[in-house]
């Protein structure tokens, strides 16, 4: 009798768990649909004419995509902006990832005078809006002779406080001090230790921040607008602003431009999304 009652309770518990999982799956599916809907509408709008976009909202594809694309090409060379954005974003991401990890390694595993003060300055820089430094930034690049160049948008990525903070926090828990000491005993130099031992361990955190860095650089509008004045060096966001026209806003061309500009971001996210999960959930190694 007692055995039968325990089996009944176990069966009810399993049913409750199954019902909870079904509700959770339904909630996640609804949430995914809500998140995907703006991208879907953006893609659908790129296939409709300006008249259709002004008069109605449609959830079905139209037939005006190539007409919109032709008008876009008549106004701006979107592929030139695409090339410029690829060069700037990939270079920015690579520099920010490597030097950010290197700086985080110094803060995490070295002890030196003024360390806490310097890290406090990193936190202050993290909390300050970038717009506050625009005037000083422009004066610096003018002194260096970098206005209207891609380097003016790439080189500042060497100092990225949010990457330093995130990777340091990850490194504190994921990289034991004993591992570094063992590498030094084996004769590894500091840079060899960092490049061959530390970097592979903190790859999830680097990849996580690299995704956000790439997206932020790709979507940046204000900094390229200030630095660049040659249309042949414009990035995709600046090309999108030019695509709207002068006397009348061409929504069809704008939606095509935005849809094209989203392709690299979606590719990067699809291939690297697992690193976001890894970067946020890993780091449980203890020294």
Protein backbone atom coordinates (compact mmCIF):
# COMPACT_ATOMS: atom_id res chain seq x y z
CA UNK A 1 0.00 0.00 0.00
CA UNK A 2 2.77 2.39 0.97
CA UNK A 3 4.65 1.47 -2.21
CA UNK A 4 1.61 2.18 -4.33
CA UNK A 5 1.11 5.61 -2.74
CA UNK A 6 4.76 6.51 -3.41
CA UNK A 7 4.35 5.49 -7.04
CA UNK A 8 1.23 7.65 -7.34
CA UNK A 9 3.07 10.63 -5.83
CA UNK A 10 6.00 10.05 -8.20
CA UNK A 11 3.64 9.90 -11.17
CA UNK A 12 1.97 13.16 -10.14
CA UNK A 13 5.37 14.79 -9.68
CA UNK A 14 6.45 13.71 -13.18
CA UNK A 15 3.20 15.06 -14.64
CA UNK A 16 3.71 18.40 -12.85
CA UNK A 17 7.28 18.64 -14.16
CA UNK A 18 6.14 17.82 -17.71
CA UNK A 19 3.38 20.44 -17.54
CA UNK A 20 5.87 23.03 -16.25
CA UNK A 21 8.31 22.24 -19.07
CA UNK A 22 5.53 22.57 -21.65
CA UNK A 23 4.60 25.99 -20.27
CA UNK A 24 8.26 27.01 -20.29
CA UNK A 25 8.70 25.91 -23.91
CA UNK A 26 5.57 27.80 -24.94
CA UNK A 27 6.83 30.93 -23.17
CA UNK A 28 10.25 30.65 -24.85
CA UNK A 29 8.67 30.14 -28.28
CA UNK A 30 6.46 33.20 -27.82
CA UNK A 31 9.47 35.22 -26.64
CA UNK A 32 11.50 34.10 -29.68
CA UNK A 33 8.67 35.12 -32.02
CA UNK A 34 8.44 38.54 -30.36
CA UNK A 35 12.20 39.05 -30.69
CA UNK A 36 12.26 37.94 -34.33
CA UNK A 37 9.20 39.95 -35.43
CA UNK A 38 10.99 43.33 -35.91
CA UNK A 39 13.62 41.69 -38.14
CA UNK A 40 10.92 39.93 -40.12
CA UNK A 41 8.97 43.17 -40.62
CA UNK A 42 12.17 44.95 -41.68
CA UNK A 43 12.87 42.30 -44.33
CA UNK A 44 9.24 42.32 -45.52
CA UNK A 45 9.20 46.12 -45.76
CA UNK A 46 12.27 46.05 -48.01
CA UNK A 47 10.15 44.25 -50.63
CA UNK A 48 7.35 46.86 -50.72
CA UNK A 49 7.11 50.18 -52.54
CA UNK A 50 6.95 53.55 -50.80
CA UNK A 51 3.23 53.82 -51.55
CA UNK A 52 2.54 50.46 -49.90
CA UNK A 53 4.69 51.34 -46.88
CA UNK A 54 2.86 54.65 -46.43
CA UNK A 55 -0.65 53.21 -46.78
CA UNK A 56 -0.61 49.83 -45.04
CA UNK A 57 1.34 47.33 -43.03
CA UNK A 58 1.81 43.94 -44.63
CA UNK A 59 3.19 40.71 -43.22
CA UNK A 60 3.59 39.14 -46.67
CA UNK A 61 6.48 39.81 -49.11
CA UNK A 62 6.02 42.28 -51.93
CA UNK A 63 7.55 42.55 -55.40
CA UNK A 64 9.48 45.83 -55.18
CA UNK A 65 12.76 44.67 -53.66
CA UNK A 66 14.83 45.07 -56.84
CA UNK A 67 13.24 48.45 -57.62
CA UNK A 68 14.13 49.64 -54.13
CA UNK A 69 17.66 48.24 -54.52
CA UNK A 70 18.10 50.04 -57.86
CA UNK A 71 17.08 53.38 -56.33
CA UNK A 72 19.46 52.70 -53.45
CA UNK A 73 22.34 52.12 -55.87
CA UNK A 74 21.47 55.31 -57.73
CA UNK A 75 21.90 57.29 -54.51
CA UNK A 76 24.78 55.56 -52.73
CA UNK A 77 27.27 52.76 -53.34
CA UNK A 78 26.16 50.52 -50.51
CA UNK A 79 28.86 47.94 -51.21
CA UNK A 80 31.59 50.52 -50.70
CA UNK A 81 30.10 51.28 -47.30
CA UNK A 82 29.83 47.54 -46.70
CA UNK A 83 33.56 47.11 -47.40
CA UNK A 84 34.51 50.05 -45.19
CA UNK A 85 32.37 48.75 -42.32
CA UNK A 86 33.88 45.26 -42.62
CA UNK A 87 37.43 46.65 -42.48
CA UNK A 88 36.72 48.95 -39.54
CA UNK A 89 34.61 46.50 -37.54
CA UNK A 90 36.89 43.48 -37.91
CA UNK A 91 40.03 45.51 -37.13
CA UNK A 92 38.35 47.16 -34.17
CA UNK A 93 37.16 43.81 -32.83
CA UNK A 94 40.58 42.17 -33.18
CA UNK A 95 42.43 45.03 -31.47
CA UNK A 96 39.86 45.36 -28.69
CA UNK A 97 39.85 41.61 -28.02
CA UNK A 98 43.62 41.12 -27.84
CA UNK A 99 44.66 44.27 -25.99
CA UNK A 100 41.61 44.15 -23.75
CA UNK A 101 42.50 40.57 -22.73
CA UNK A 102 46.14 41.58 -22.25
CA UNK A 103 45.16 44.49 -20.00
CA UNK A 104 42.74 42.30 -18.06
CA UNK A 105 45.52 39.76 -17.55
CA UNK A 106 47.72 42.46 -16.04
CA UNK A 107 45.01 43.61 -13.65
CA UNK A 108 43.99 40.08 -12.69
CA UNK A 109 47.31 38.30 -12.18
CA UNK A 110 49.85 41.01 -11.34
CA UNK A 111 50.21 42.99 -8.14
CA UNK A 112 51.77 46.43 -8.45
CA UNK A 113 51.60 49.83 -6.81
CA UNK A 114 48.62 51.88 -7.93
CA UNK A 115 46.75 48.85 -9.30
CA UNK A 116 43.49 49.67 -7.52
CA UNK A 117 43.65 53.29 -8.61
CA UNK A 118 44.23 52.38 -12.26
CA UNK A 119 41.40 49.85 -12.22
CA UNK A 120 39.16 52.48 -10.63
CA UNK A 121 39.99 54.74 -13.60
CA UNK A 122 38.92 51.91 -15.92
CA UNK A 123 35.60 51.70 -14.09
CA UNK A 124 35.15 55.47 -14.32
CA UNK A 125 35.81 55.32 -18.07
CA UNK A 126 33.28 52.50 -18.29
CA UNK A 127 30.58 54.64 -16.68
CA UNK A 128 31.24 57.83 -18.66
CA UNK A 129 29.25 58.37 -21.89
CA UNK A 130 31.46 58.35 -24.97
CA UNK A 131 29.81 61.56 -26.22
CA UNK A 132 31.51 63.54 -23.44
CA UNK A 133 34.91 62.89 -24.98
CA UNK A 134 34.08 63.73 -28.59
CA UNK A 135 35.73 67.15 -28.57
CA UNK A 136 38.94 65.85 -27.01
CA UNK A 137 38.88 62.83 -29.30
CA UNK A 138 38.65 65.00 -32.41
CA UNK A 139 41.50 67.25 -31.20
CA UNK A 140 43.73 64.19 -30.64
CA UNK A 141 43.11 62.69 -34.08
CA UNK A 142 43.64 66.12 -35.64
CA UNK A 143 47.04 66.43 -33.95
CA UNK A 144 47.91 62.91 -35.13
CA UNK A 145 46.83 63.74 -38.68
CA UNK A 146 44.12 61.07 -38.75
CA UNK A 147 40.92 62.94 -39.74
CA UNK A 148 39.07 61.30 -42.64
CA UNK A 149 40.92 58.00 -42.16
CA UNK A 150 39.80 54.56 -41.01
CA UNK A 151 42.62 54.47 -38.44
CA UNK A 152 40.85 57.19 -36.46
CA UNK A 153 37.99 54.72 -35.91
CA UNK A 154 40.17 51.63 -35.39
CA UNK A 155 42.97 52.72 -33.04
CA UNK A 156 40.73 53.83 -30.11
CA UNK A 157 39.64 50.19 -29.79
CA UNK A 158 43.01 49.43 -28.15
CA UNK A 159 41.58 50.95 -24.94
CA UNK A 160 38.12 49.47 -24.32
CA UNK A 161 37.18 49.52 -20.61
CA UNK A 162 34.11 47.29 -20.79
CA UNK A 163 36.15 44.46 -22.34
CA UNK A 164 38.86 44.84 -19.70
CA UNK A 165 36.31 44.70 -16.88
CA UNK A 166 34.43 41.68 -18.25
CA UNK A 167 37.49 39.58 -19.10
CA UNK A 168 39.18 40.42 -15.78
CA UNK A 169 36.11 39.22 -13.89
CA UNK A 170 36.12 36.02 -15.93
CA UNK A 171 39.86 35.54 -15.56
CA UNK A 172 39.75 35.93 -11.76
CA UNK A 173 37.68 32.75 -11.48
CA UNK A 174 38.68 30.79 -14.60
CA UNK A 175 42.50 31.08 -14.47
CA UNK A 176 44.17 29.74 -11.32
CA UNK A 177 47.42 31.37 -10.22
CA UNK A 178 49.01 27.92 -9.91
CA UNK A 179 48.67 27.44 -13.68
CA UNK A 180 50.68 30.60 -14.37
CA UNK A 181 53.29 29.65 -11.78
CA UNK A 182 53.66 26.22 -13.39
CA UNK A 183 54.17 27.84 -16.80
CA UNK A 184 56.88 30.12 -15.39
CA UNK A 185 58.63 27.16 -13.74
CA UNK A 186 58.61 25.40 -17.12
CA UNK A 187 60.42 28.40 -18.62
CA UNK A 188 57.57 30.18 -20.42
CA UNK A 189 57.95 33.92 -20.81
CA UNK A 190 55.12 36.26 -19.90
CA UNK A 191 53.88 36.80 -23.45
CA UNK A 192 54.21 33.11 -24.30
CA UNK A 193 52.22 32.25 -21.17
CA UNK A 194 49.53 34.74 -22.14
CA UNK A 195 49.31 33.78 -25.81
CA UNK A 196 49.48 30.00 -25.45
CA UNK A 197 47.87 29.32 -22.08
CA UNK A 198 45.70 32.23 -20.97
CA UNK A 199 44.07 33.14 -24.29
CA UNK A 200 42.65 29.64 -24.97
CA UNK A 201 41.17 29.51 -21.46
CA UNK A 202 39.45 32.90 -21.69
CA UNK A 203 38.28 32.43 -25.29
CA UNK A 204 34.57 32.31 -24.31
CA UNK A 205 34.75 35.69 -22.58
CA UNK A 206 36.76 37.20 -25.45
CA UNK A 207 34.31 35.85 -28.02
CA UNK A 208 31.36 37.17 -26.03
CA UNK A 209 32.73 40.70 -25.88
CA UNK A 210 33.96 40.51 -29.48
CA UNK A 211 30.41 39.95 -30.68
CA UNK A 212 29.18 43.05 -28.86
CA UNK A 213 32.22 45.03 -30.02
CA UNK A 214 31.64 44.05 -33.65
CA UNK A 215 27.94 44.95 -33.47
CA UNK A 216 28.68 48.26 -31.75
CA UNK A 217 31.34 49.18 -34.30
CA UNK A 218 29.16 48.10 -37.23
CA UNK A 219 26.19 50.17 -36.04
CA UNK A 220 28.24 53.20 -34.97
CA UNK A 221 26.96 56.39 -36.58
CA UNK A 222 28.19 59.36 -34.56
CA UNK A 223 31.94 58.66 -34.60
CA UNK A 224 32.20 58.02 -38.37
CA UNK A 225 30.05 61.09 -38.97
CA UNK A 226 32.53 63.25 -37.05
CA UNK A 227 35.71 61.68 -38.43
CA UNK A 228 34.88 60.99 -42.09
CA UNK A 229 34.05 63.54 -44.77
CA UNK A 230 34.85 61.52 -47.90
CA UNK A 231 31.86 59.54 -49.17
CA UNK A 232 34.14 56.79 -50.49
CA UNK A 233 35.11 56.04 -46.85
CA UNK A 234 31.61 56.14 -45.39
CA UNK A 235 30.36 53.20 -43.38
CA UNK A 236 26.98 51.48 -43.75
CA UNK A 237 25.12 53.67 -41.19
CA UNK A 238 26.24 56.82 -43.02
CA UNK A 239 25.24 55.27 -46.34
CA UNK A 240 21.83 54.50 -44.85
CA UNK A 241 21.41 58.15 -43.86
CA UNK A 242 22.26 59.21 -47.41
CA UNK A 243 19.84 56.66 -48.89
CA UNK A 244 16.77 58.43 -47.51
CA UNK A 245 17.05 61.15 -50.16
CA UNK A 246 16.88 64.94 -49.90
CA UNK A 247 13.36 66.18 -50.60
CA UNK A 248 11.43 62.99 -49.92
CA UNK A 249 12.26 60.06 -47.67
CA UNK A 250 12.64 56.86 -49.66
CA UNK A 251 11.60 54.24 -47.12
CA UNK A 252 11.94 51.38 -49.59
CA UNK A 253 15.61 52.15 -50.25
CA UNK A 254 16.26 52.64 -46.53
CA UNK A 255 14.76 49.26 -45.63
CA UNK A 256 16.83 47.54 -48.33
CA UNK A 257 19.98 49.21 -47.00
CA UNK A 258 19.18 48.24 -43.41
CA UNK A 259 18.32 44.66 -44.44
CA UNK A 260 21.66 44.31 -46.25
CA UNK A 261 23.54 45.81 -43.33
CA UNK A 262 22.03 43.23 -40.95
CA UNK A 263 23.52 40.26 -42.82
CA UNK A 264 27.04 40.34 -41.23
CA UNK A 265 25.58 40.82 -37.74
CA UNK A 266 23.27 37.83 -38.16
CA UNK A 267 26.14 35.70 -39.49
CA UNK A 268 28.42 36.65 -36.59
CA UNK A 269 25.69 35.97 -34.07
CA UNK A 270 24.71 32.60 -35.59
CA UNK A 271 28.29 31.32 -35.54
CA UNK A 272 29.31 32.80 -32.20
CA UNK A 273 26.14 32.70 -30.09
CA UNK A 274 27.37 29.59 -28.28
CA UNK A 275 30.30 31.62 -26.98
CA UNK A 276 27.91 34.11 -25.38
CA UNK A 277 26.41 31.28 -23.34
CA UNK A 278 29.86 29.90 -22.61
CA UNK A 279 31.22 33.28 -21.59
CA UNK A 280 28.36 33.88 -19.17
CA UNK A 281 28.19 30.39 -17.64
CA UNK A 282 31.78 29.22 -17.58
CA UNK A 283 34.50 30.40 -15.30
CA UNK A 284 34.07 27.92 -12.47
CA UNK A 285 37.69 26.76 -12.35
CA UNK A 286 39.15 27.46 -8.95
CA UNK A 287 42.78 27.91 -8.10
